C-alpha atoms as a PDB file:
ATOM      1  CA  UNK A   1      -0.161  67.433   8.804  1.00  0.00           C
ATOM      2  CA  UNK A   2      -0.270  63.612   7.558  1.00  0.00           C
ATOM      3  CA  UNK A   3       2.272  62.042   5.500  1.00  0.00           C
ATOM      4  CA  UNK A   4       2.502  59.604   2.690  1.00  0.00           C
ATOM      5  CA  UNK A   5       4.469  56.290   4.262  1.00  0.00           C
ATOM      6  CA  UNK A   6       5.026  53.427   2.364  1.00  0.00           C
ATOM      7  CA  UNK A   7       5.356  50.290   3.978  1.00  0.00           C
ATOM      8  CA  UNK A   8       7.959  47.838   3.280  1.00  0.00           C
ATOM      9  CA  UNK A   9       5.661  44.986   4.026  1.00  0.00           C
ATOM     10  CA  UNK A  10       3.639  42.848   1.798  1.00  0.00           C
ATOM     11  CA  UNK A  11      -0.257  43.467   1.835  1.00  0.00           C
ATOM     12  CA  UNK A  12      -1.885  40.598   3.956  1.00  0.00           C
ATOM     13  CA  UNK A  13      -2.489  36.852   2.414  1.00  0.00           C
ATOM     14  CA  UNK A  14      -0.254  37.680  -0.548  1.00  0.00           C
ATOM     15  CA  UNK A  15       2.326  34.802  -0.701  1.00  0.00           C
ATOM     16  CA  UNK A  16       5.143  35.827  -2.418  1.00  0.00           C
ATOM     17  CA  UNK A  17       6.468  32.149  -2.735  1.00  0.00           C
ATOM     18  CA  UNK A  18       3.385  31.737  -5.372  1.00  0.00           C
ATOM     19  CA  UNK A  19       2.643  32.627  -9.066  1.00  0.00           C
ATOM     20  CA  UNK A  20      -0.038  35.286  -9.556  1.00  0.00           C
ATOM     21  CA  UNK A  21      -2.881  33.649 -11.241  1.00  0.00           C
ATOM     22  CA  UNK A  22      -4.379  34.781 -14.010  1.00  0.00           C
ATOM     23  CA  UNK A  23      -8.551  35.394 -13.768  1.00  0.00           C
ATOM     24  CA  UNK A  24     -10.616  33.304 -15.826  1.00  0.00           C
ATOM     25  CA  UNK A  25      -9.852  30.278 -18.152  1.00  0.00           C
ATOM     26  CA  UNK A  26      -6.333  31.842 -18.551  1.00  0.00           C
ATOM     27  CA  UNK A  27      -4.719  30.798 -15.065  1.00  0.00           C
ATOM     28  CA  UNK A  28      -4.210  27.368 -15.567  1.00  0.00           C
ATOM     29  CA  UNK A  29      -2.514  28.074 -19.483  1.00  0.00           C
ATOM     30  CA  UNK A  30      -0.439  30.907 -17.955  1.00  0.00           C
ATOM     31  CA  UNK A  31       0.800  28.356 -15.218  1.00  0.00           C
ATOM     32  CA  UNK A  32       1.445  26.281 -18.107  1.00  0.00           C
ATOM     33  CA  UNK A  33       3.763  28.393 -19.561  1.00  0.00           C
ATOM     34  CA  UNK A  34       5.430  29.448 -16.521  1.00  0.00           C
ATOM     35  CA  UNK A  35       6.310  25.683 -16.103  1.00  0.00           C
ATOM     36  CA  UNK A  36       8.276  25.996 -18.883  1.00  0.00           C
ATOM     37  CA  UNK A  37      10.321  28.930 -18.130  1.00  0.00           C
ATOM     38  CA  UNK A  38      13.876  28.896 -18.144  1.00  0.00           C
ATOM     39  CA  UNK A  39      13.610  30.788 -14.617  1.00  0.00           C
ATOM     40  CA  UNK A  40      14.004  28.557 -11.837  1.00  0.00           C
ATOM     41  CA  UNK A  41      11.923  31.151  -9.865  1.00  0.00           C
ATOM     42  CA  UNK A  42       9.142  31.327 -11.628  1.00  0.00           C
ATOM     43  CA  UNK A  43       8.707  27.285 -12.665  1.00  0.00           C
ATOM     44  CA  UNK A  44       8.924  27.463  -8.207  1.00  0.00           C
ATOM     45  CA  UNK A  45       5.970  30.810  -8.060  1.00  0.00           C
ATOM     46  CA  UNK A  46       4.236  28.126 -10.567  1.00  0.00           C
ATOM     47  CA  UNK A  47       4.309  24.832  -8.858  1.00  0.00           C
ATOM     48  CA  UNK A  48       3.217  26.352  -5.716  1.00  0.00           C
ATOM     49  CA  UNK A  49      -0.007  27.854  -7.201  1.00  0.00           C
ATOM     50  CA  UNK A  50      -0.387  24.368  -8.744  1.00  0.00           C
ATOM     51  CA  UNK A  51      -0.140  22.316  -6.089  1.00  0.00           C
ATOM     52  CA  UNK A  52      -3.103  24.418  -4.785  1.00  0.00           C
ATOM     53  CA  UNK A  53      -5.150  24.560  -7.756  1.00  0.00           C
ATOM     54  CA  UNK A  54      -5.568  20.252  -8.288  1.00  0.00           C
ATOM     55  CA  UNK A  55      -6.743  19.790  -4.915  1.00  0.00           C
ATOM     56  CA  UNK A  56     -10.430  20.804  -7.078  1.00  0.00           C
ATOM     57  CA  UNK A  57     -11.675  18.307  -9.509  1.00  0.00           C
ATOM     58  CA  UNK A  58     -12.502  20.529 -12.484  1.00  0.00           C
ATOM     59  CA  UNK A  59      -9.123  22.138 -12.236  1.00  0.00           C
ATOM     60  CA  UNK A  60      -7.368  18.679 -12.587  1.00  0.00           C
ATOM     61  CA  UNK A  61      -9.920  17.978 -15.643  1.00  0.00           C
ATOM     62  CA  UNK A  62      -8.762  21.287 -17.289  1.00  0.00           C
ATOM     63  CA  UNK A  63      -4.926  20.995 -16.279  1.00  0.00           C
ATOM     64  CA  UNK A  64      -5.276  17.078 -18.392  1.00  0.00           C
ATOM     65  CA  UNK A  65      -6.833  19.275 -21.440  1.00  0.00           C
ATOM     66  CA  UNK A  66      -4.365  21.825 -21.867  1.00  0.00           C
ATOM     67  CA  UNK A  67      -1.373  19.095 -21.485  1.00  0.00           C
ATOM     68  CA  UNK A  68       0.117  19.810 -17.791  1.00  0.00           C
ATOM     69  CA  UNK A  69       1.186  16.188 -17.831  1.00  0.00           C
ATOM     70  CA  UNK A  70       3.387  16.386 -20.773  1.00  0.00           C
ATOM     71  CA  UNK A  71       5.078  19.526 -19.021  1.00  0.00           C
ATOM     72  CA  UNK A  72       5.216  17.477 -15.377  1.00  0.00           C
ATOM     73  CA  UNK A  73       7.055  14.819 -16.935  1.00  0.00           C
ATOM     74  CA  UNK A  74       9.794  16.982 -18.432  1.00  0.00           C
ATOM     75  CA  UNK A  75      10.051  18.502 -14.681  1.00  0.00           C
ATOM     76  CA  UNK A  76      10.717  15.142 -13.285  1.00  0.00           C
ATOM     77  CA  UNK A  77      14.073  15.130 -14.454  1.00  0.00           C
ATOM     78  CA  UNK A  78      14.860  18.454 -13.295  1.00  0.00           C
ATOM     79  CA  UNK A  79      18.190  18.821 -11.445  1.00  0.00           C
ATOM     80  CA  UNK A  80      16.575  21.273  -8.906  1.00  0.00           C
ATOM     81  CA  UNK A  81      15.163  19.493  -5.478  1.00  0.00           C
ATOM     82  CA  UNK A  82      12.442  21.504  -4.853  1.00  0.00           C
ATOM     83  CA  UNK A  83      11.042  21.046  -8.488  1.00  0.00           C
ATOM     84  CA  UNK A  84      10.933  17.730  -8.197  1.00  0.00           C
ATOM     85  CA  UNK A  85       9.339  17.578  -5.178  1.00  0.00           C
ATOM     86  CA  UNK A  86       6.612  20.101  -6.043  1.00  0.00           C
ATOM     87  CA  UNK A  87       6.244  18.343  -9.903  1.00  0.00           C
ATOM     88  CA  UNK A  88       5.742  14.877  -7.753  1.00  0.00           C
ATOM     89  CA  UNK A  89       3.544  16.888  -5.005  1.00  0.00           C
ATOM     90  CA  UNK A  90       1.421  18.192  -8.192  1.00  0.00           C
ATOM     91  CA  UNK A  91       0.870  14.582  -9.276  1.00  0.00           C
ATOM     92  CA  UNK A  92       0.204  12.782  -6.396  1.00  0.00           C
ATOM     93  CA  UNK A  93      -2.576  15.327  -5.863  1.00  0.00           C
ATOM     94  CA  UNK A  94      -3.908  14.690  -9.323  1.00  0.00           C
ATOM     95  CA  UNK A  95      -3.688  11.392  -8.413  1.00  0.00           C
ATOM     96  CA  UNK A  96      -6.115  11.191  -5.781  1.00  0.00           C
ATOM     97  CA  UNK A  97      -8.745  11.848  -8.129  1.00  0.00           C
ATOM     98  CA  UNK A  98     -10.322   9.102 -10.543  1.00  0.00           C
ATOM     99  CA  UNK A  99      -9.792  11.466 -13.925  1.00  0.00           C
ATOM    100  CA  UNK A 100      -6.033  12.305 -13.047  1.00  0.00           C
ATOM    101  CA  UNK A 101      -5.240   8.599 -11.757  1.00  0.00           C
ATOM    102  CA  UNK A 102      -6.467   7.399 -15.604  1.00  0.00           C
ATOM    103  CA  UNK A 103      -4.630   9.885 -17.122  1.00  0.00           C
ATOM    104  CA  UNK A 104      -1.293   9.042 -15.483  1.00  0.00           C
ATOM    105  CA  UNK A 105      -1.575   6.037 -16.613  1.00  0.00           C
ATOM    106  CA  UNK A 106      -2.922   6.610 -20.461  1.00  0.00           C
ATOM    107  CA  UNK A 107       0.611   8.858 -20.789  1.00  0.00           C
ATOM    108  CA  UNK A 108       2.685   6.580 -19.648  1.00  0.00           C
ATOM    109  CA  UNK A 109       3.838   8.834 -16.689  1.00  0.00           C
ATOM    110  CA  UNK A 110       5.085   5.649 -14.974  1.00  0.00           C
ATOM    111  CA  UNK A 111       8.427   5.162 -17.058  1.00  0.00           C
ATOM    112  CA  UNK A 112       8.844   9.022 -16.216  1.00  0.00           C
ATOM    113  CA  UNK A 113       7.974   8.610 -12.569  1.00  0.00           C
ATOM    114  CA  UNK A 114      10.335   5.491 -12.000  1.00  0.00           C
ATOM    115  CA  UNK A 115      13.805   6.889 -12.049  1.00  0.00           C
ATOM    116  CA  UNK A 116      12.884   8.898  -9.438  1.00  0.00           C
ATOM    117  CA  UNK A 117      13.061   5.534  -7.606  1.00  0.00           C
ATOM    118  CA  UNK A 118      17.017   6.003  -6.586  1.00  0.00           C
ATOM    119  CA  UNK A 119      16.312  10.261  -5.985  1.00  0.00           C
ATOM    120  CA  UNK A 120      19.033  11.450  -3.565  1.00  0.00           C
ATOM    121  CA  UNK A 121      15.620  13.251  -2.224  1.00  0.00           C
ATOM    122  CA  UNK A 122      13.557  11.798   0.562  1.00  0.00           C
ATOM    123  CA  UNK A 123      10.666  13.913   0.402  1.00  0.00           C
ATOM    124  CA  UNK A 124      10.617  13.188  -3.467  1.00  0.00           C
ATOM    125  CA  UNK A 125      10.823   9.504  -2.930  1.00  0.00           C
ATOM    126  CA  UNK A 126       7.833   9.827  -0.257  1.00  0.00           C
ATOM    127  CA  UNK A 127       5.783  11.940  -3.450  1.00  0.00           C
ATOM    128  CA  UNK A 128       6.443   9.303  -5.702  1.00  0.00           C
ATOM    129  CA  UNK A 129       5.453   6.069  -3.437  1.00  0.00           C
ATOM    130  CA  UNK A 130       1.955   8.625  -3.484  1.00  0.00           C
ATOM    131  CA  UNK A 131       1.484   8.699  -6.433  1.00  0.00           C
ATOM    132  CA  UNK A 132       2.278   4.681  -6.881  1.00  0.00           C
ATOM    133  CA  UNK A 133      -0.121   4.148  -4.094  1.00  0.00           C
ATOM    134  CA  UNK A 134      -3.089   5.890  -5.558  1.00  0.00           C
ATOM    135  CA  UNK A 135      -2.408   4.170  -8.948  1.00  0.00           C
ATOM    136  CA  UNK A 136      -2.366   0.759  -7.171  1.00  0.00           C
ATOM    137  CA  UNK A 137      -5.529   1.366  -5.931  1.00  0.00           C
ATOM    138  CA  UNK A 138      -7.133   1.025  -9.547  1.00  0.00           C
ATOM    139  CA  UNK A 139      -6.242  -2.725 -11.196  1.00  0.00           C
ATOM    140  CA  UNK A 140      -5.081  -1.093 -14.301  1.00  0.00           C
ATOM    141  CA  UNK A 141      -2.774   0.596 -12.369  1.00  0.00           C
ATOM    142  CA  UNK A 142      -1.529  -2.156 -10.428  1.00  0.00           C
ATOM    143  CA  UNK A 143      -1.039  -4.339 -13.504  1.00  0.00           C
ATOM    144  CA  UNK A 144       0.965  -0.671 -15.391  1.00  0.00           C
ATOM    145  CA  UNK A 145       3.473  -0.998 -12.402  1.00  0.00           C
ATOM    146  CA  UNK A 146       3.851  -4.613 -12.702  1.00  0.00           C
ATOM    147  CA  UNK A 147       4.145  -4.765 -16.361  1.00  0.00           C
ATOM    148  CA  UNK A 148       6.805  -1.691 -15.617  1.00  0.00           C
ATOM    149  CA  UNK A 149       8.962  -3.937 -14.310  1.00  0.00           C
ATOM    150  CA  UNK A 150       9.562  -1.990 -11.410  1.00  0.00           C
ATOM    151  CA  UNK A 151       8.670  -4.266  -8.636  1.00  0.00           C
ATOM    152  CA  UNK A 152      12.195  -6.129  -8.298  1.00  0.00           C
ATOM    153  CA  UNK A 153      13.040  -2.104  -8.093  1.00  0.00           C
ATOM    154  CA  UNK A 154      10.783  -1.787  -5.256  1.00  0.00           C
ATOM    155  CA  UNK A 155      11.362  -4.490  -3.423  1.00  0.00           C
ATOM    156  CA  UNK A 156      15.062  -3.940  -3.403  1.00  0.00           C
ATOM    157  CA  UNK A 157      14.221  -0.339  -2.197  1.00  0.00           C
ATOM    158  CA  UNK A 158      12.177  -1.616   0.911  1.00  0.00           C
ATOM    159  CA  UNK A 159      16.333  -2.620   2.770  1.00  0.00           C
ATOM    160  CA  UNK A 160      17.077   0.838   2.075  1.00  0.00           C
ATOM    161  CA  UNK A 161      14.242   3.479   2.789  1.00  0.00           C
ATOM    162  CA  UNK A 162      13.435   5.213   5.517  1.00  0.00           C
ATOM    163  CA  UNK A 163      10.678   3.949   7.764  1.00  0.00           C
ATOM    164  CA  UNK A 164       8.221   6.569   6.673  1.00  0.00           C
ATOM    165  CA  UNK A 165       8.837   5.521   3.052  1.00  0.00           C
ATOM    166  CA  UNK A 166       8.978   1.607   3.888  1.00  0.00           C
ATOM    167  CA  UNK A 167       5.334   2.305   5.139  1.00  0.00           C
ATOM    168  CA  UNK A 168       3.995   3.855   1.966  1.00  0.00           C
ATOM    169  CA  UNK A 169       5.994   0.965  -0.277  1.00  0.00           C
ATOM    170  CA  UNK A 170       4.318  -1.958   1.479  1.00  0.00           C
ATOM    171  CA  UNK A 171       0.940  -0.508   0.321  1.00  0.00           C
ATOM    172  CA  UNK A 172       2.290  -0.187  -3.210  1.00  0.00           C
ATOM    173  CA  UNK A 173       3.623  -3.579  -3.196  1.00  0.00           C
ATOM    174  CA  UNK A 174       0.889  -5.174  -1.501  1.00  0.00           C
ATOM    175  CA  UNK A 175      -1.955  -3.852  -4.009  1.00  0.00           C
ATOM    176  CA  UNK A 176       0.226  -4.774  -7.027  1.00  0.00           C
ATOM    177  CA  UNK A 177       0.816  -7.942  -5.841  1.00  0.00           C
ATOM    178  CA  UNK A 178      -2.815  -9.162  -5.944  1.00  0.00           C
ATOM    179  CA  UNK A 179      -2.768  -8.789  -8.750  1.00  0.00           C
ATOM    180  CA  UNK A 180       0.752 -10.454  -9.945  1.00  0.00           C
ATOM    181  CA  UNK A 181       3.502 -11.993  -7.750  1.00  0.00           C
ATOM    182  CA  UNK A 182       5.477 -13.307  -9.952  1.00  0.00           C
ATOM    183  CA  UNK A 183       8.103 -10.589 -10.639  1.00  0.00           C
ATOM    184  CA  UNK A 184       8.423 -10.360  -6.202  1.00  0.00           C
ATOM    185  CA  UNK A 185       8.805 -14.055  -6.049  1.00  0.00           C
ATOM    186  CA  UNK A 186      12.331 -13.897  -8.121  1.00  0.00           C
ATOM    187  CA  UNK A 187      13.357 -11.809  -5.796  1.00  0.00           C
ATOM    188  CA  UNK A 188      13.806 -12.369  -2.189  1.00  0.00           C
ATOM    189  CA  UNK A 189      11.039 -10.710  -0.889  1.00  0.00           C
ATOM    190  CA  UNK A 190       9.494 -13.101   1.326  1.00  0.00           C
ATOM    191  CA  UNK A 191      13.282 -13.033   3.382  1.00  0.00           C
ATOM    192  CA  UNK A 192      12.649  -9.160   3.347  1.00  0.00           C
ATOM    193  CA  UNK A 193       8.945  -8.931   4.928  1.00  0.00           C
ATOM    194  CA  UNK A 194       9.990 -11.640   7.274  1.00  0.00           C
ATOM    195  CA  UNK A 195      12.326  -9.713   8.304  1.00  0.00           C
ATOM    196  CA  UNK A 196       9.895  -6.770   8.468  1.00  0.00           C
ATOM    197  CA  UNK A 197       7.698  -8.813  10.731  1.00  0.00           C
ATOM    198  CA  UNK A 198       9.838  -8.559  13.047  1.00  0.00           C
ATOM    199  CA  UNK A 199       9.760  -4.398  13.441  1.00  0.00           C
ATOM    200  CA  UNK A 200       9.423  -2.363  16.633  1.00  0.00           C
ATOM    201  CA  UNK A 201       7.466  -0.116  13.955  1.00  0.00           C
ATOM    202  CA  UNK A 202       3.777  -0.978  14.055  1.00  0.00           C
ATOM    203  CA  UNK A 203       2.705  -0.069  10.868  1.00  0.00           C
ATOM    204  CA  UNK A 204       5.452  -2.055   9.536  1.00  0.00           C
ATOM    205  CA  UNK A 205       4.662  -5.020  11.136  1.00  0.00           C
ATOM    206  CA  UNK A 206       1.305  -4.861  10.055  1.00  0.00           C
ATOM    207  CA  UNK A 207       1.411  -4.079   6.368  1.00  0.00           C
ATOM    208  CA  UNK A 208       4.442  -6.398   6.327  1.00  0.00           C
ATOM    209  CA  UNK A 209       1.871  -8.859   7.237  1.00  0.00           C
ATOM    210  CA  UNK A 210      -0.670  -7.779   4.881  1.00  0.00           C
ATOM    211  CA  UNK A 211       1.886  -8.103   1.593  1.00  0.00           C
ATOM    212  CA  UNK A 212       2.678 -11.570   2.200  1.00  0.00           C
ATOM    213  CA  UNK A 213      -0.806 -12.011   2.464  1.00  0.00           C
ATOM    214  CA  UNK A 214      -0.700 -11.070  -1.618  1.00  0.00           C
ATOM    215  CA  UNK A 215       2.502 -13.520  -1.501  1.00  0.00           C
ATOM    216  CA  UNK A 216       0.831 -16.333  -0.145  1.00  0.00           C
ATOM    217  CA  UNK A 217      -2.004 -16.618  -2.597  1.00  0.00           C
ATOM    218  CA  UNK A 218       0.154 -18.619  -5.756  1.00  0.00           C
ATOM    219  CA  UNK A 219       1.211 -22.028  -4.692  1.00  0.00           C
ATOM    220  CA  UNK A 220       5.489 -20.797  -5.212  1.00  0.00           C
ATOM    221  CA  UNK A 221       4.471 -17.891  -2.687  1.00  0.00           C
ATOM    222  CA  UNK A 222       3.201 -20.673  -0.059  1.00  0.00           C
ATOM    223  CA  UNK A 223       6.026 -22.828  -0.415  1.00  0.00           C
ATOM    224  CA  UNK A 224       8.690 -20.280   0.103  1.00  0.00           C
ATOM    225  CA  UNK A 225       6.953 -18.973   3.448  1.00  0.00           C
ATOM    226  CA  UNK A 226       7.505 -22.526   4.459  1.00  0.00           C
ATOM    227  CA  UNK A 227      11.326 -22.982   3.146  1.00  0.00           C
ATOM    228  CA  UNK A 228      12.086 -19.407   4.441  1.00  0.00           C
ATOM    229  CA  UNK A 229      10.313 -20.577   8.143  1.00  0.00           C
ATOM    230  CA  UNK A 230       8.068 -17.331   8.167  1.00  0.00           C
ATOM    231  CA  UNK A 231       5.304 -19.488  10.004  1.00  0.00           C
ATOM    232  CA  UNK A 232       6.398 -19.249  13.214  1.00  0.00           C
ATOM    233  CA  UNK A 233       7.161 -15.724  13.473  1.00  0.00           C
ATOM    234  CA  UNK A 234       3.512 -15.375  12.172  1.00  0.00           C
ATOM    235  CA  UNK A 235       1.658 -17.840  15.145  1.00  0.00           C
ATOM    236  CA  UNK A 236       4.067 -15.254  17.510  1.00  0.00           C
ATOM    237  CA  UNK A 237       2.348 -12.383  15.235  1.00  0.00           C
ATOM    238  CA  UNK A 238      -1.447 -13.690  16.912  1.00  0.00           C
ATOM    239  CA  UNK A 239      -0.637 -12.419  19.886  1.00  0.00           C
ATOM    240  CA  UNK A 240       0.671  -8.802  18.694  1.00  0.00           C
ATOM    241  CA  UNK A 241      -0.432  -6.083  20.684  1.00  0.00           C
ATOM    242  CA  UNK A 242      -1.984  -4.661  17.411  1.00  0.00           C
ATOM    243  CA  UNK A 243      -5.275  -6.021  16.605  1.00  0.00           C
ATOM    244  CA  UNK A 244      -4.651  -5.339  12.541  1.00  0.00           C
ATOM    245  CA  UNK A 245      -1.615  -7.094  12.872  1.00  0.00           C
ATOM    246  CA  UNK A 246      -3.208 -10.284  14.861  1.00  0.00           C
ATOM    247  CA  UNK A 247      -5.632 -10.054  11.581  1.00  0.00           C
ATOM    248  CA  UNK A 248      -3.030 -10.216   8.778  1.00  0.00           C
ATOM    249  CA  UNK A 249      -0.906 -12.628  10.228  1.00  0.00           C
ATOM    250  CA  UNK A 250      -3.452 -14.953  10.701  1.00  0.00           C
ATOM    251  CA  UNK A 251      -4.587 -13.731   6.679  1.00  0.00           C
ATOM    252  CA  UNK A 252      -1.006 -15.529   5.727  1.00  0.00           C
ATOM    253  CA  UNK A 253      -1.536 -18.553   7.762  1.00  0.00           C
ATOM    254  CA  UNK A 254      -4.618 -19.291   6.054  1.00  0.00           C
ATOM    255  CA  UNK A 255      -3.524 -19.381   2.513  1.00  0.00           C
ATOM    256  CA  UNK A 256      -0.024 -20.855   3.721  1.00  0.00           C
ATOM    257  CA  UNK A 257      -1.437 -23.784   5.442  1.00  0.00           C
ATOM    258  CA  UNK A 258      -3.415 -24.959   2.375  1.00  0.00           C
ATOM    259  CA  UNK A 259      -0.445 -27.616   1.689  1.00  0.00           C
ATOM    260  CA  UNK A 260       0.329 -29.671   4.159  1.00  0.00           C
ATOM    261  CA  UNK A 261       4.193 -28.256   4.515  1.00  0.00           C
ATOM    262  CA  UNK A 262       2.441 -25.555   5.489  1.00  0.00           C
ATOM    263  CA  UNK A 263      -0.384 -27.450   8.268  1.00  0.00           C
ATOM    264  CA  UNK A 264       2.260 -28.943   9.952  1.00  0.00           C
ATOM    265  CA  UNK A 265       4.512 -26.134  10.348  1.00  0.00           C
ATOM    266  CA  UNK A 266       1.860 -24.241  11.754  1.00  0.00           C
ATOM    267  CA  UNK A 267       0.443 -27.346  14.289  1.00  0.00           C
ATOM    268  CA  UNK A 268       4.287 -27.136  15.441  1.00  0.00           C
ATOM    269  CA  UNK A 269       4.355 -24.034  16.317  1.00  0.00           C
ATOM    270  CA  UNK A 270       1.415 -24.739  18.361  1.00  0.00           C
ATOM    271  CA  UNK A 271      -0.993 -22.208  16.225  1.00  0.00           C
ATOM    272  CA  UNK A 272      -4.289 -23.530  17.603  1.00  0.00           C
ATOM    273  CA  UNK A 273      -4.663 -22.036  20.740  1.00  0.00           C
ATOM    274  CA  UNK A 274      -3.618 -18.596  19.543  1.00  0.00           C
ATOM    275  CA  UNK A 275      -6.018 -19.355  16.821  1.00  0.00           C
ATOM    276  CA  UNK A 276      -8.828 -20.073  18.840  1.00  0.00           C
ATOM    277  CA  UNK A 277      -8.282 -17.027  20.793  1.00  0.00           C
ATOM    278  CA  UNK A 278      -8.398 -15.242  17.783  1.00  0.00           C
ATOM    279  CA  UNK A 279     -12.228 -16.353  17.863  1.00  0.00           C
ATOM    280  CA  UNK A 280     -13.310 -13.922  19.974  1.00  0.00           C
ATOM    281  CA  UNK A 281     -11.344 -10.970  18.067  1.00  0.00           C
ATOM    282  CA  UNK A 282     -13.414  -7.313  18.044  1.00  0.00           C
ATOM    283  CA  UNK A 283     -12.138  -7.156  14.178  1.00  0.00           C
ATOM    284  CA  UNK A 284     -14.479  -9.766  11.647  1.00  0.00           C
ATOM    285  CA  UNK A 285     -11.483 -10.175   9.540  1.00  0.00           C
ATOM    286  CA  UNK A 286      -9.047 -11.505  11.993  1.00  0.00           C
ATOM    287  CA  UNK A 287     -12.192 -13.811  13.369  1.00  0.00           C
ATOM    288  CA  UNK A 288     -12.851 -15.000   9.611  1.00  0.00           C
ATOM    289  CA  UNK A 289      -9.559 -15.658   8.858  1.00  0.00           C
ATOM    290  CA  UNK A 290      -8.725 -17.712  12.182  1.00  0.00           C
ATOM    291  CA  UNK A 291     -11.882 -19.722  11.591  1.00  0.00           C
ATOM    292  CA  UNK A 292     -10.422 -20.469   7.860  1.00  0.00           C
ATOM    293  CA  UNK A 293      -7.319 -21.206   9.353  1.00  0.00           C
ATOM    294  CA  UNK A 294      -8.699 -23.567  11.824  1.00  0.00           C
ATOM    295  CA  UNK A 295     -10.857 -25.435   9.015  1.00  0.00           C
ATOM    296  CA  UNK A 296      -7.010 -25.780   7.102  1.00  0.00           C
ATOM    297  CA  UNK A 297      -5.481 -27.171  10.323  1.00  0.00           C
ATOM    298  CA  UNK A 298      -8.561 -29.146  10.622  1.00  0.00           C
ATOM    299  CA  UNK A 299      -8.181 -31.281   7.525  1.00  0.00           C
ATOM    300  CA  UNK A 300      -4.708 -32.945   9.190  1.00  0.00           C
ATOM    301  CA  UNK A 301      -5.541 -35.771  11.796  1.00  0.00           C
ATOM    302  CA  UNK A 302      -3.781 -34.072  14.503  1.00  0.00           C
ATOM    303  CA  UNK A 303      -5.075 -30.538  14.141  1.00  0.00           C
ATOM    304  CA  UNK A 304      -9.008 -32.408  13.943  1.00  0.00           C
ATOM    305  CA  UNK A 305      -8.301 -34.617  17.204  1.00  0.00           C
ATOM    306  CA  UNK A 306      -6.868 -31.149  19.140  1.00  0.00           C
ATOM    307  CA  UNK A 307      -9.898 -28.972  17.856  1.00  0.00           C
ATOM    308  CA  UNK A 308     -13.344 -31.560  18.627  1.00  0.00           C
ATOM    309  CA  UNK A 309     -13.591 -30.217  22.147  1.00  0.00           C
ATOM    310  CA  UNK A 310     -14.073 -27.082  20.877  1.00  0.00           C
ATOM    311  CA  UNK A 311     -16.860 -27.342  18.292  1.00  0.00           C
ATOM    312  CA  UNK A 312     -18.968 -25.253  20.829  1.00  0.00           C
ATOM    313  CA  UNK A 313     -16.861 -22.298  20.305  1.00  0.00           C
ATOM    314  CA  UNK A 314     -17.358 -22.763  16.355  1.00  0.00           C
ATOM    315  CA  UNK A 315     -21.610 -23.497  17.106  1.00  0.00           C
ATOM    316  CA  UNK A 316     -21.432 -19.661  18.877  1.00  0.00           C
ATOM    317  CA  UNK A 317     -19.769 -18.453  15.831  1.00  0.00           C
ATOM    318  CA  UNK A 318     -22.972 -19.593  14.006  1.00  0.00           C
ATOM    319  CA  UNK A 319     -24.328 -16.341  15.461  1.00  0.00           C
ATOM    320  CA  UNK A 320     -22.110 -13.955  14.446  1.00  0.00           C
ATOM    321  CA  UNK A 321     -23.291 -10.556  12.916  1.00  0.00           C
ATOM    322  CA  UNK A 322     -20.901 -11.026   9.890  1.00  0.00           C
ATOM    323  CA  UNK A 323     -22.465 -13.327   6.948  1.00  0.00           C
ATOM    324  CA  UNK A 324     -19.149 -14.464   6.039  1.00  0.00           C
ATOM    325  CA  UNK A 325     -18.020 -15.681   9.750  1.00  0.00           C
ATOM    326  CA  UNK A 326     -21.138 -17.594  10.190  1.00  0.00           C
ATOM    327  CA  UNK A 327     -20.855 -19.208   6.306  1.00  0.00           C
ATOM    328  CA  UNK A 328     -16.804 -20.237   7.587  1.00  0.00           C
ATOM    329  CA  UNK A 329     -17.711 -21.031  11.231  1.00  0.00           C
ATOM    330  CA  UNK A 330     -20.622 -23.859   9.333  1.00  0.00           C
ATOM    331  CA  UNK A 331     -17.527 -25.419   7.201  1.00  0.00           C
ATOM    332  CA  UNK A 332     -15.253 -25.286  10.278  1.00  0.00           C
ATOM    333  CA  UNK A 333     -17.272 -27.524  12.005  1.00  0.00           C
ATOM    334  CA  UNK A 334     -18.515 -29.911   9.056  1.00  0.00           C
ATOM    335  CA  UNK A 335     -14.593 -30.682   8.658  1.00  0.00           C
ATOM    336  CA  UNK A 336     -14.009 -30.954  12.492  1.00  0.00           C
ATOM    337  CA  UNK A 337     -16.462 -33.357  13.262  1.00  0.00           C
ATOM    338  CA  UNK A 338     -16.037 -35.822   9.867  1.00  0.00           C
ATOM    339  CA  UNK A 339     -14.656 -39.022  10.510  1.00  0.00           C
ATOM    340  CA  UNK A 340     -12.395 -40.873   7.837  1.00  0.00           C
END
């Protein structure tokens, strides 16, 4: 005769760490109420469930309408590490959707997030930088971060952070400084990025050079790159094992050699042979940056003299599959062949 037995195990596909989601239109409002609960376990479960739901753009739209951002802003100050980690995770997932980014900017969540720059938990800081990275993809987001006065703090964090966070931080800085590099130039950002150019980490070298490109656009940035003797390191990176690093280094040189000091610093570092090699790079960005940098160097009599014997190489680029490279090659030939 069979006897009834009650298993001590949970049914399959049941996650005890997540809140039970209400049916239909009550699902998100119920979670929002649970986020405001005084019970820590209830908040944990609600955040776990929410982090799954916000992958769906429709749920992001509904969450914003219900007022989730106000609840999440308050949770950023919670003393519990897990609450802060999951809150920032939810925010960076939401920031991956256009409506999420715009709402985060409209509701001044950046100020609340800024208090986590010094959070003791590296995963929480990682999520924070992911939110900023998504926001900075929009010009309005980059401006908001700059206008919040966070650039000096992020530059300072660059020398303290773990490598996986440095990579994210460099992405954020590059996007923000493309919009406005003024606040960064009042810090020691060029010296810090100079140090990162020699990092054994490929991603850090690549992104440090990309961030320096943004720094080198304003005149003051060009001057500081020359002042702090960054150009010899950039020339060395033209021969880096990573193609993207080569391309980004050429991009910085392209801007830095606009000024006379930059031109002669590059010539003295013997940049021309390495730049000529880069004209055959598989990356169109690298070829373009190299052509434009060589054009800058050809404006100096010493550079023009060296490059006259390489005009044929520039002519071969007139058949390049990149329209920008073709046009740049034609301009380079005119500058090289110019006679006073």
